[in-house]
Amino acid sequence: MNQIFQKINEDITTYVKKLEEQYRHDSSQITEMAIHFISGRLEFVKDKFENLNTLSPEDEIFYFKNIKCHLLALIQYYYTVQRIEIKKPAIPLRKIKKYYLKALYKIKKQIGGNHFFYNYYKTNSNKLDRQFFTRLEHDFFLPNDGIIMDIDKRYTTPSVYMFANVEALEMTRHYLKKKIKSLTSPQITIQPKQSRLKWTSSKSDLIESIYALHSAGVFNNGKADLKEIAEYFEEIFDLDLGQYNRVFYDIRARKNNKTKFLDSLRDALIKRMKDTDNELFP
């Protein structure tokens, strides 16, 4: 199931990247087509998994926690971005920045109102997964703006929509921060050098390294938080690491070598040392 999750993510990433290249200045077109594409992937996994009677408890948790939550979150994220961009003032830049800052404040306020679920999501916790991501034996009811919704227990769990909402809020927060940063006065923008280094290995390799560095406490005497370190590497390598906590989940789920990239670095360094020794002592 983890392979299916990775394949779906790769398909979505590739598709959205093509949209962004094709419709650079048309966010409405990008969001509309992204929503349609992701909705198709959601229908595919719903048909594949939600009618299975042989789904193990572990697979059921993985499906609802990682696959369905993530796809619902992406749909909500693009829908939210679409609304934000439609209402954005045209000019001047000062008003646009103020608009984004106000939108960011609202998102942060919503995150604060869901702090328990947000912290559970951000820390990749799994202590309550059976309560959150396995289906009940009966239908349940959810309030929605004063209306009670009857939820069919066969197709979802009590917390799927809550966690999808939290993930969408986090993605929207990152989106707005980048938009605000892009509106920074050009006078203080530092032009990168021609010889700027580029990260040419995979993003998952970089994320594995970031988590290792954070765990070892090598920055600010161990006081730097993970988000701060990740954003620093995003800036210096001009990368968007996306939902790196989900990538870390995939790294943890590896069956064979969980520290594949770090081990390859160790092997490469040992080989270099041996090669150097051979050069000094033929």
C-alpha atoms as a PDB file:
ATOM      1  CA  MET A   1       0.000   0.000   0.000  1.00  0.00           C
ATOM      2  CA  ASN A   2       2.935   2.307   0.643  1.00  0.00           C
ATOM      3  CA  GLN A   3       3.980   1.867  -2.998  1.00  0.00           C
ATOM      4  CA  ILE A   4       0.498   2.885  -4.154  1.00  0.00           C
ATOM      5  CA  PHE A   5       0.724   5.979  -1.953  1.00  0.00           C
ATOM      6  CA  GLN A   6       4.108   6.920  -3.425  1.00  0.00           C
ATOM      7  CA  LYS A   7       2.892   6.350  -7.004  1.00  0.00           C
ATOM      8  CA  ILE A   8      -0.195   8.535  -6.477  1.00  0.00           C
ATOM      9  CA  ASN A   9       1.949  11.304  -4.985  1.00  0.00           C
ATOM     10  CA  GLU A  10       4.398  11.122  -7.887  1.00  0.00           C
ATOM     11  CA  ASP A  11       1.531  11.292 -10.418  1.00  0.00           C
ATOM     12  CA  ILE A  12       0.030  14.345  -8.698  1.00  0.00           C
ATOM     13  CA  THR A  13       3.398  16.122  -8.331  1.00  0.00           C
ATOM     14  CA  THR A  14       4.235  15.540 -11.998  1.00  0.00           C
ATOM     15  CA  TYR A  15       0.802  16.668 -13.179  1.00  0.00           C
ATOM     16  CA  VAL A  16       0.765  19.854 -11.064  1.00  0.00           C
ATOM     17  CA  LYS A  17       4.298  20.727 -12.173  1.00  0.00           C
ATOM     18  CA  LYS A  18       3.185  20.518 -15.819  1.00  0.00           C
ATOM     19  CA  LEU A  19       0.172  22.711 -15.020  1.00  0.00           C
ATOM     20  CA  GLU A  20       2.389  25.327 -13.379  1.00  0.00           C
ATOM     21  CA  GLU A  21       4.671  25.374 -16.431  1.00  0.00           C
ATOM     22  CA  GLN A  22       1.756  25.627 -18.850  1.00  0.00           C
ATOM     23  CA  TYR A  23      -0.370  28.149 -16.921  1.00  0.00           C
ATOM     24  CA  ARG A  24       2.242  30.230 -15.118  1.00  0.00           C
ATOM     25  CA  HIS A  25       0.032  33.274 -14.482  1.00  0.00           C
ATOM     26  CA  ASP A  26      -3.353  31.586 -14.318  1.00  0.00           C
ATOM     27  CA  SER A  27      -3.759  30.222 -10.789  1.00  0.00           C
ATOM     28  CA  SER A  28      -7.474  29.648 -11.351  1.00  0.00           C
ATOM     29  CA  GLN A  29      -6.762  27.241 -14.215  1.00  0.00           C
ATOM     30  CA  ILE A  30      -4.048  25.450 -12.196  1.00  0.00           C
ATOM     31  CA  THR A  31      -6.226  24.958  -9.127  1.00  0.00           C
ATOM     32  CA  GLU A  32      -9.310  23.927 -11.124  1.00  0.00           C
ATOM     33  CA  MET A  33      -7.456  21.265 -13.101  1.00  0.00           C
ATOM     34  CA  ALA A  34      -5.503  20.068 -10.047  1.00  0.00           C
ATOM     35  CA  ILE A  35      -8.743  19.575  -8.101  1.00  0.00           C
ATOM     36  CA  HIS A  36     -10.236  17.603 -10.998  1.00  0.00           C
ATOM     37  CA  PHE A  37      -7.128  15.393 -11.331  1.00  0.00           C
ATOM     38  CA  ILE A  38      -6.809  14.676  -7.596  1.00  0.00           C
ATOM     39  CA  SER A  39     -10.544  13.954  -7.346  1.00  0.00           C
ATOM     40  CA  GLY A  40     -10.034  11.252  -9.965  1.00  0.00           C
ATOM     41  CA  ARG A  41      -7.242   9.698  -7.918  1.00  0.00           C
ATOM     42  CA  LEU A  42      -9.447   9.827  -4.827  1.00  0.00           C
ATOM     43  CA  GLU A  43     -12.266   7.999  -6.637  1.00  0.00           C
ATOM     44  CA  PHE A  44      -9.756   5.360  -7.757  1.00  0.00           C
ATOM     45  CA  VAL A  45      -8.515   4.576  -4.233  1.00  0.00           C
ATOM     46  CA  LYS A  46     -12.034   4.672  -2.776  1.00  0.00           C
ATOM     47  CA  ASP A  47     -13.177   2.045  -5.266  1.00  0.00           C
ATOM     48  CA  LYS A  48     -10.049  -0.014  -4.616  1.00  0.00           C
ATOM     49  CA  PHE A  49      -9.982  -0.062  -0.813  1.00  0.00           C
ATOM     50  CA  GLU A  50     -13.275   0.938   0.789  1.00  0.00           C
ATOM     51  CA  ASN A  51     -15.220  -2.085  -0.427  1.00  0.00           C
ATOM     52  CA  LEU A  52     -12.596  -4.619   0.668  1.00  0.00           C
ATOM     53  CA  ASN A  53     -13.585  -6.934   3.505  1.00  0.00           C
ATOM     54  CA  THR A  54     -10.050  -8.351   3.817  1.00  0.00           C
ATOM     55  CA  LEU A  55      -8.270  -5.097   4.677  1.00  0.00           C
ATOM     56  CA  SER A  56      -6.001  -5.656   7.684  1.00  0.00           C
ATOM     57  CA  PRO A  57      -6.169  -3.158  10.597  1.00  0.00           C
ATOM     58  CA  GLU A  58      -2.689  -1.869   9.655  1.00  0.00           C
ATOM     59  CA  ASP A  59      -3.654  -1.355   6.003  1.00  0.00           C
ATOM     60  CA  GLU A  60      -6.926   0.269   7.024  1.00  0.00           C
ATOM     61  CA  ILE A  61      -5.066   2.759   9.216  1.00  0.00           C
ATOM     62  CA  PHE A  62      -2.497   3.479   6.489  1.00  0.00           C
ATOM     63  CA  TYR A  63      -5.203   4.001   3.878  1.00  0.00           C
ATOM     64  CA  PHE A  64      -7.308   6.421   5.906  1.00  0.00           C
ATOM     65  CA  LYS A  65      -4.403   8.210   7.624  1.00  0.00           C
ATOM     66  CA  ASN A  66      -2.062   8.644   4.673  1.00  0.00           C
ATOM     67  CA  ILE A  67      -3.886   8.131   1.400  1.00  0.00           C
ATOM     68  CA  LYS A  68      -7.445   9.372   1.856  1.00  0.00           C
ATOM     69  CA  CYS A  69      -6.543  12.150   4.312  1.00  0.00           C
ATOM     70  CA  HIS A  70      -3.802  13.399   2.010  1.00  0.00           C
ATOM     71  CA  LEU A  71      -5.942  13.433  -1.135  1.00  0.00           C
ATOM     72  CA  LEU A  72      -8.814  15.181   0.653  1.00  0.00           C
ATOM     73  CA  ALA A  73      -6.312  17.693   2.053  1.00  0.00           C
ATOM     74  CA  LEU A  74      -4.919  18.429  -1.414  1.00  0.00           C
ATOM     75  CA  ILE A  75      -8.412  19.046  -2.801  1.00  0.00           C
ATOM     76  CA  GLN A  76      -9.232  21.376   0.089  1.00  0.00           C
ATOM     77  CA  TYR A  77      -5.846  23.124  -0.260  1.00  0.00           C
ATOM     78  CA  TYR A  78      -6.297  23.901  -3.969  1.00  0.00           C
ATOM     79  CA  TYR A  79      -9.868  25.007  -3.369  1.00  0.00           C
ATOM     80  CA  THR A  80      -8.676  27.378  -0.605  1.00  0.00           C
ATOM     81  CA  VAL A  81      -5.850  28.733  -2.787  1.00  0.00           C
ATOM     82  CA  GLN A  82      -8.363  29.298  -5.574  1.00  0.00           C
ATOM     83  CA  ARG A  83     -10.596  31.370  -3.280  1.00  0.00           C
ATOM     84  CA  ILE A  84      -7.627  33.343  -1.928  1.00  0.00           C
ATOM     85  CA  GLU A  85      -6.332  34.207  -5.404  1.00  0.00           C
ATOM     86  CA  ILE A  86      -9.754  35.135  -6.802  1.00  0.00           C
ATOM     87  CA  LYS A  87     -10.294  37.707  -4.027  1.00  0.00           C
ATOM     88  CA  LYS A  88      -6.749  39.097  -4.182  1.00  0.00           C
ATOM     89  CA  PRO A  89      -6.491  42.820  -5.033  1.00  0.00           C
ATOM     90  CA  ALA A  90      -4.803  43.608  -8.345  1.00  0.00           C
ATOM     91  CA  ILE A  91      -2.512  46.454  -7.218  1.00  0.00           C
ATOM     92  CA  PRO A  92      -0.521  47.893  -5.488  1.00  0.00           C
ATOM     93  CA  LEU A  93       1.953  45.373  -4.030  1.00  0.00           C
ATOM     94  CA  ARG A  94       1.501  46.883  -0.577  1.00  0.00           C
ATOM     95  CA  LYS A  95      -2.204  45.970  -0.607  1.00  0.00           C
ATOM     96  CA  ILE A  96      -1.506  42.487  -1.973  1.00  0.00           C
ATOM     97  CA  LYS A  97       0.995  41.814   0.808  1.00  0.00           C
ATOM     98  CA  LYS A  98      -1.458  43.100   3.412  1.00  0.00           C
ATOM     99  CA  TYR A  99      -4.141  40.810   1.923  1.00  0.00           C
ATOM    100  CA  TYR A 100      -1.867  37.752   2.139  1.00  0.00           C
ATOM    101  CA  LEU A 101      -0.856  38.626   5.706  1.00  0.00           C
ATOM    102  CA  LYS A 102      -4.509  38.844   6.715  1.00  0.00           C
ATOM    103  CA  ALA A 103      -5.219  35.484   5.065  1.00  0.00           C
ATOM    104  CA  LEU A 104      -2.207  33.964   6.847  1.00  0.00           C
ATOM    105  CA  TYR A 105      -3.471  35.271  10.185  1.00  0.00           C
ATOM    106  CA  LYS A 106      -6.837  33.554   9.591  1.00  0.00           C
ATOM    107  CA  ILE A 107      -5.126  30.271   8.709  1.00  0.00           C
ATOM    108  CA  LYS A 108      -2.946  30.403  11.828  1.00  0.00           C
ATOM    109  CA  LYS A 109      -6.046  31.097  13.917  1.00  0.00           C
ATOM    110  CA  GLN A 110      -7.758  28.020  12.474  1.00  0.00           C
ATOM    111  CA  ILE A 111      -4.641  25.923  13.167  1.00  0.00           C
ATOM    112  CA  GLY A 112      -4.663  27.184  16.751  1.00  0.00           C
ATOM    113  CA  GLY A 113      -8.265  26.060  17.096  1.00  0.00           C
ATOM    114  CA  ASN A 114      -7.227  22.540  16.082  1.00  0.00           C
ATOM    115  CA  HIS A 115      -3.935  22.427  18.006  1.00  0.00           C
ATOM    116  CA  PHE A 116      -4.366  18.856  19.312  1.00  0.00           C
ATOM    117  CA  PHE A 117      -4.920  17.354  15.846  1.00  0.00           C
ATOM    118  CA  TYR A 118      -2.294  19.679  14.359  1.00  0.00           C
ATOM    119  CA  ASN A 119       0.357  18.526  16.851  1.00  0.00           C
ATOM    120  CA  TYR A 120      -0.590  14.876  16.309  1.00  0.00           C
ATOM    121  CA  TYR A 121      -0.228  15.377  12.537  1.00  0.00           C
ATOM    122  CA  LYS A 122       3.045  17.372  12.696  1.00  0.00           C
ATOM    123  CA  THR A 123       4.792  14.927  15.039  1.00  0.00           C
ATOM    124  CA  ASN A 124       3.760  11.857  12.998  1.00  0.00           C
ATOM    125  CA  SER A 125       2.302  10.373  16.166  1.00  0.00           C
ATOM    126  CA  ASN A 126       0.611   6.961  15.983  1.00  0.00           C
ATOM    127  CA  LYS A 127      -0.546   6.328  19.563  1.00  0.00           C
ATOM    128  CA  LEU A 128      -4.223   6.921  18.790  1.00  0.00           C
ATOM    129  CA  ASP A 129      -4.280   5.680  15.201  1.00  0.00           C
ATOM    130  CA  ARG A 130      -6.707   2.838  15.953  1.00  0.00           C
ATOM    131  CA  GLN A 131      -9.201   5.288  17.439  1.00  0.00           C
ATOM    132  CA  PHE A 132      -8.750   7.850  14.671  1.00  0.00           C
ATOM    133  CA  PHE A 133      -8.303   5.758  11.526  1.00  0.00           C
ATOM    134  CA  THR A 134     -10.283   2.531  11.837  1.00  0.00           C
ATOM    135  CA  ARG A 135     -13.956   2.350  10.959  1.00  0.00           C
ATOM    136  CA  LEU A 136     -16.667   2.121  13.575  1.00  0.00           C
ATOM    137  CA  GLU A 137     -19.248  -0.647  13.801  1.00  0.00           C
ATOM    138  CA  HIS A 138     -22.072   1.848  13.287  1.00  0.00           C
ATOM    139  CA  ASP A 139     -22.766   5.048  11.385  1.00  0.00           C
ATOM    140  CA  PHE A 140     -21.884   8.304  13.125  1.00  0.00           C
ATOM    141  CA  PHE A 141     -22.949  11.940  12.958  1.00  0.00           C
ATOM    142  CA  LEU A 142     -20.947  15.140  12.418  1.00  0.00           C
ATOM    143  CA  PRO A 143     -22.144  18.732  12.940  1.00  0.00           C
ATOM    144  CA  ASN A 144     -21.548  21.046   9.979  1.00  0.00           C
ATOM    145  CA  ASP A 145     -22.575  24.697  10.381  1.00  0.00           C
ATOM    146  CA  GLY A 146     -25.645  23.805  12.404  1.00  0.00           C
ATOM    147  CA  ILE A 147     -26.549  20.810  10.233  1.00  0.00           C
ATOM    148  CA  ILE A 148     -26.084  17.224  11.405  1.00  0.00           C
ATOM    149  CA  MET A 149     -24.558  14.975   8.738  1.00  0.00           C
ATOM    150  CA  ASP A 150     -25.164  11.226   8.760  1.00  0.00           C
ATOM    151  CA  ILE A 151     -21.803   9.599   7.909  1.00  0.00           C
ATOM    152  CA  ASP A 152     -21.721   6.070   6.466  1.00  0.00           C
ATOM    153  CA  LYS A 153     -19.206   4.127   8.573  1.00  0.00           C
ATOM    154  CA  ARG A 154     -18.248   1.901   5.599  1.00  0.00           C
ATOM    155  CA  TYR A 155     -16.412   4.678   3.788  1.00  0.00           C
ATOM    156  CA  THR A 156     -14.653   6.777   6.394  1.00  0.00           C
ATOM    157  CA  THR A 157     -13.555   7.113  10.028  1.00  0.00           C
ATOM    158  CA  PRO A 158     -14.474   9.763  12.623  1.00  0.00           C
ATOM    159  CA  SER A 159     -11.234  11.762  12.197  1.00  0.00           C
ATOM    160  CA  VAL A 160     -10.419  11.631   8.478  1.00  0.00           C
ATOM    161  CA  TYR A 161     -11.962  15.008   7.683  1.00  0.00           C
ATOM    162  CA  MET A 162     -10.427  16.629  10.765  1.00  0.00           C
ATOM    163  CA  PHE A 163      -6.904  15.556   9.825  1.00  0.00           C
ATOM    164  CA  ALA A 164      -7.465  16.377   6.150  1.00  0.00           C
ATOM    165  CA  ASN A 165      -8.478  19.882   7.224  1.00  0.00           C
ATOM    166  CA  VAL A 166      -5.374  20.240   9.421  1.00  0.00           C
ATOM    167  CA  GLU A 167      -3.050  19.144   6.597  1.00  0.00           C
ATOM    168  CA  ALA A 168      -4.758  21.524   4.148  1.00  0.00           C
ATOM    169  CA  LEU A 169      -4.327  24.398   6.615  1.00  0.00           C
ATOM    170  CA  GLU A 170      -0.625  23.614   6.942  1.00  0.00           C
ATOM    171  CA  MET A 171      -0.141  23.545   3.160  1.00  0.00           C
ATOM    172  CA  THR A 172      -2.026  26.833   2.829  1.00  0.00           C
ATOM    173  CA  ARG A 173       0.166  28.378   5.534  1.00  0.00           C
ATOM    174  CA  HIS A 174       3.305  27.449   3.568  1.00  0.00           C
ATOM    175  CA  TYR A 175       1.753  28.795   0.352  1.00  0.00           C
ATOM    176  CA  LEU A 176       0.931  32.175   1.916  1.00  0.00           C
ATOM    177  CA  LYS A 177       4.369  32.491   3.533  1.00  0.00           C
ATOM    178  CA  LYS A 178       6.026  32.015   0.135  1.00  0.00           C
ATOM    179  CA  LYS A 179       3.690  34.528  -1.469  1.00  0.00           C
ATOM    180  CA  ILE A 180       4.492  37.105   1.218  1.00  0.00           C
ATOM    181  CA  LYS A 181       8.205  36.421   0.906  1.00  0.00           C
ATOM    182  CA  SER A 182       8.037  36.900  -2.887  1.00  0.00           C
ATOM    183  CA  LEU A 183       6.659  40.403  -2.317  1.00  0.00           C
ATOM    184  CA  THR A 184       9.700  41.503  -0.319  1.00  0.00           C
ATOM    185  CA  SER A 185      11.217  44.762  -1.534  1.00  0.00           C
ATOM    186  CA  PRO A 186      13.690  44.057  -4.373  1.00  0.00           C
ATOM    187  CA  GLN A 187      16.222  46.493  -2.863  1.00  0.00           C
ATOM    188  CA  ILE A 188      17.162  43.975  -0.193  1.00  0.00           C
ATOM    189  CA  THR A 189      17.164  40.956  -2.492  1.00  0.00           C
ATOM    190  CA  ILE A 190      20.625  39.392  -2.710  1.00  0.00           C
ATOM    191  CA  GLN A 191      21.488  38.037  -6.129  1.00  0.00           C
ATOM    192  CA  PRO A 192      22.839  34.474  -5.947  1.00  0.00           C
ATOM    193  CA  LYS A 193      26.334  33.769  -7.228  1.00  0.00           C
ATOM    194  CA  GLN A 194      26.747  32.038 -10.560  1.00  0.00           C
ATOM    195  CA  SER A 195      28.470  29.098  -8.863  1.00  0.00           C
ATOM    196  CA  ARG A 196      25.591  28.443  -6.465  1.00  0.00           C
ATOM    197  CA  LEU A 197      25.433  24.817  -5.405  1.00  0.00           C
ATOM    198  CA  LYS A 198      22.393  22.770  -6.401  1.00  0.00           C
ATOM    199  CA  TRP A 199      21.082  19.707  -4.614  1.00  0.00           C
ATOM    200  CA  THR A 200      21.024  17.037  -7.327  1.00  0.00           C
ATOM    201  CA  SER A 201      20.134  14.007  -5.238  1.00  0.00           C
ATOM    202  CA  SER A 202      16.490  13.241  -4.382  1.00  0.00           C
ATOM    203  CA  LYS A 203      14.409  15.338  -2.001  1.00  0.00           C
ATOM    204  CA  SER A 204      13.891  12.306   0.227  1.00  0.00           C
ATOM    205  CA  ASP A 205      17.700  12.051   0.626  1.00  0.00           C
ATOM    206  CA  LEU A 206      17.837  15.670   1.755  1.00  0.00           C
ATOM    207  CA  ILE A 207      14.917  15.164   4.133  1.00  0.00           C
ATOM    208  CA  GLU A 208      16.644  12.095   5.616  1.00  0.00           C
ATOM    209  CA  SER A 209      19.744  14.254   6.191  1.00  0.00           C
ATOM    210  CA  ILE A 210      17.708  17.087   7.757  1.00  0.00           C
ATOM    211  CA  TYR A 211      16.036  14.748  10.243  1.00  0.00           C
ATOM    212  CA  ALA A 212      19.424  13.228  11.108  1.00  0.00           C
ATOM    213  CA  LEU A 213      20.995  16.668  11.692  1.00  0.00           C
ATOM    214  CA  HIS A 214      18.032  17.765  13.808  1.00  0.00           C
ATOM    215  CA  SER A 215      18.137  14.550  15.848  1.00  0.00           C
ATOM    216  CA  ALA A 216      21.866  15.023  16.462  1.00  0.00           C
ATOM    217  CA  GLY A 217      21.293  18.601  17.662  1.00  0.00           C
ATOM    218  CA  VAL A 218      24.077  20.096  15.525  1.00  0.00           C
ATOM    219  CA  PHE A 219      22.432  23.531  15.065  1.00  0.00           C
ATOM    220  CA  ASN A 220      22.195  26.209  17.788  1.00  0.00           C
ATOM    221  CA  ASN A 221      23.331  23.748  20.455  1.00  0.00           C
ATOM    222  CA  GLY A 222      20.373  21.522  19.682  1.00  0.00           C
ATOM    223  CA  LYS A 223      17.808  24.320  20.122  1.00  0.00           C
ATOM    224  CA  ALA A 224      16.911  24.807  16.423  1.00  0.00           C
ATOM    225  CA  ASP A 225      13.555  23.239  15.570  1.00  0.00           C
ATOM    226  CA  LEU A 226      12.965  20.960  12.594  1.00  0.00           C
ATOM    227  CA  LYS A 227      10.867  23.487  10.675  1.00  0.00           C
ATOM    228  CA  GLU A 228      13.596  26.121  10.951  1.00  0.00           C
ATOM    229  CA  ILE A 229      16.250  23.713   9.635  1.00  0.00           C
ATOM    230  CA  ALA A 230      14.050  22.496   6.770  1.00  0.00           C
ATOM    231  CA  GLU A 231      13.226  26.049   5.661  1.00  0.00           C
ATOM    232  CA  TYR A 232      16.938  26.964   5.765  1.00  0.00           C
ATOM    233  CA  PHE A 233      17.823  24.098   3.424  1.00  0.00           C
ATOM    234  CA  GLU A 234      14.895  25.002   1.164  1.00  0.00           C
ATOM    235  CA  GLU A 235      16.304  28.512   0.871  1.00  0.00           C
ATOM    236  CA  ILE A 236      19.971  27.690   0.270  1.00  0.00           C
ATOM    237  CA  PHE A 237      19.192  24.982  -2.289  1.00  0.00           C
ATOM    238  CA  ASP A 238      16.155  26.774  -3.795  1.00  0.00           C
ATOM    239  CA  LEU A 239      13.925  23.737  -3.224  1.00  0.00           C
ATOM    240  CA  ASP A 240      10.391  23.123  -2.082  1.00  0.00           C
ATOM    241  CA  LEU A 241      10.460  20.119   0.240  1.00  0.00           C
ATOM    242  CA  GLY A 242       6.671  20.058   0.474  1.00  0.00           C
ATOM    243  CA  GLN A 243       5.181  17.891   3.223  1.00  0.00           C
ATOM    244  CA  TYR A 244       8.538  16.620   4.498  1.00  0.00           C
ATOM    245  CA  ASN A 245       6.947  15.038   7.546  1.00  0.00           C
ATOM    246  CA  ARG A 246       5.034  12.680   5.219  1.00  0.00           C
ATOM    247  CA  VAL A 247       8.238  11.832   3.363  1.00  0.00           C
ATOM    248  CA  PHE A 248       9.808  11.029   6.730  1.00  0.00           C
ATOM    249  CA  TYR A 249       6.883   8.681   7.385  1.00  0.00           C
ATOM    250  CA  ASP A 250       7.795   6.845   4.173  1.00  0.00           C
ATOM    251  CA  ILE A 251      11.445   6.709   5.289  1.00  0.00           C
ATOM    252  CA  ARG A 252      10.390   5.198   8.612  1.00  0.00           C
ATOM    253  CA  ALA A 253       8.231   2.665   6.765  1.00  0.00           C
ATOM    254  CA  ARG A 254      11.141   1.275   4.734  1.00  0.00           C
ATOM    255  CA  LYS A 255      11.398  -2.466   5.298  1.00  0.00           C
ATOM    256  CA  ASN A 256      15.085  -2.963   4.564  1.00  0.00           C
ATOM    257  CA  ASN A 257      17.376   0.020   5.065  1.00  0.00           C
ATOM    258  CA  LYS A 258      15.743   2.948   6.849  1.00  0.00           C
ATOM    259  CA  THR A 259      18.884   5.142   6.647  1.00  0.00           C
ATOM    260  CA  LYS A 260      19.715   4.350   3.029  1.00  0.00           C
ATOM    261  CA  PHE A 261      21.168   7.755   2.099  1.00  0.00           C
ATOM    262  CA  LEU A 262      23.147   8.245   5.311  1.00  0.00           C
ATOM    263  CA  ASP A 263      24.618   4.777   4.941  1.00  0.00           C
ATOM    264  CA  SER A 264      25.621   5.534   1.349  1.00  0.00           C
ATOM    265  CA  LEU A 265      27.408   8.691   2.565  1.00  0.00           C
ATOM    266  CA  ARG A 266      29.276   6.662   5.180  1.00  0.00           C
ATOM    267  CA  ASP A 267      30.291   4.033   2.600  1.00  0.00           C
ATOM    268  CA  ALA A 268      31.446   6.725   0.143  1.00  0.00           C
ATOM    269  CA  LEU A 269      33.573   8.431   2.798  1.00  0.00           C
ATOM    270  CA  ILE A 270      35.155   5.162   3.944  1.00  0.00           C
ATOM    271  CA  LYS A 271      35.954   4.303   0.317  1.00  0.00           C
ATOM    272  CA  ARG A 272      37.547   7.696  -0.186  1.00  0.00           C
ATOM    273  CA  MET A 273      39.664   7.229   2.936  1.00  0.00           C
ATOM    274  CA  LYS A 274      40.819   3.835   1.699  1.00  0.00           C
ATOM    275  CA  ASP A 275      41.581   5.216  -1.764  1.00  0.00           C
ATOM    276  CA  THR A 276      43.563   8.061  -0.192  1.00  0.00           C
ATOM    277  CA  ASP A 277      45.483   5.606   1.997  1.00  0.00           C
ATOM    278  CA  ASN A 278      46.361   3.575  -1.096  1.00  0.00           C
ATOM    279  CA  GLU A 279      47.641   6.705  -2.833  1.00  0.00           C
ATOM    280  CA  LEU A 280      49.853   7.614   0.136  1.00  0.00           C
ATOM    281  CA  PHE A 281      51.056   4.097   0.748  1.00  0.00           C
ATOM    282  CA  PRO A 282      51.235   2.197  -2.573  1.00  0.00           C
END
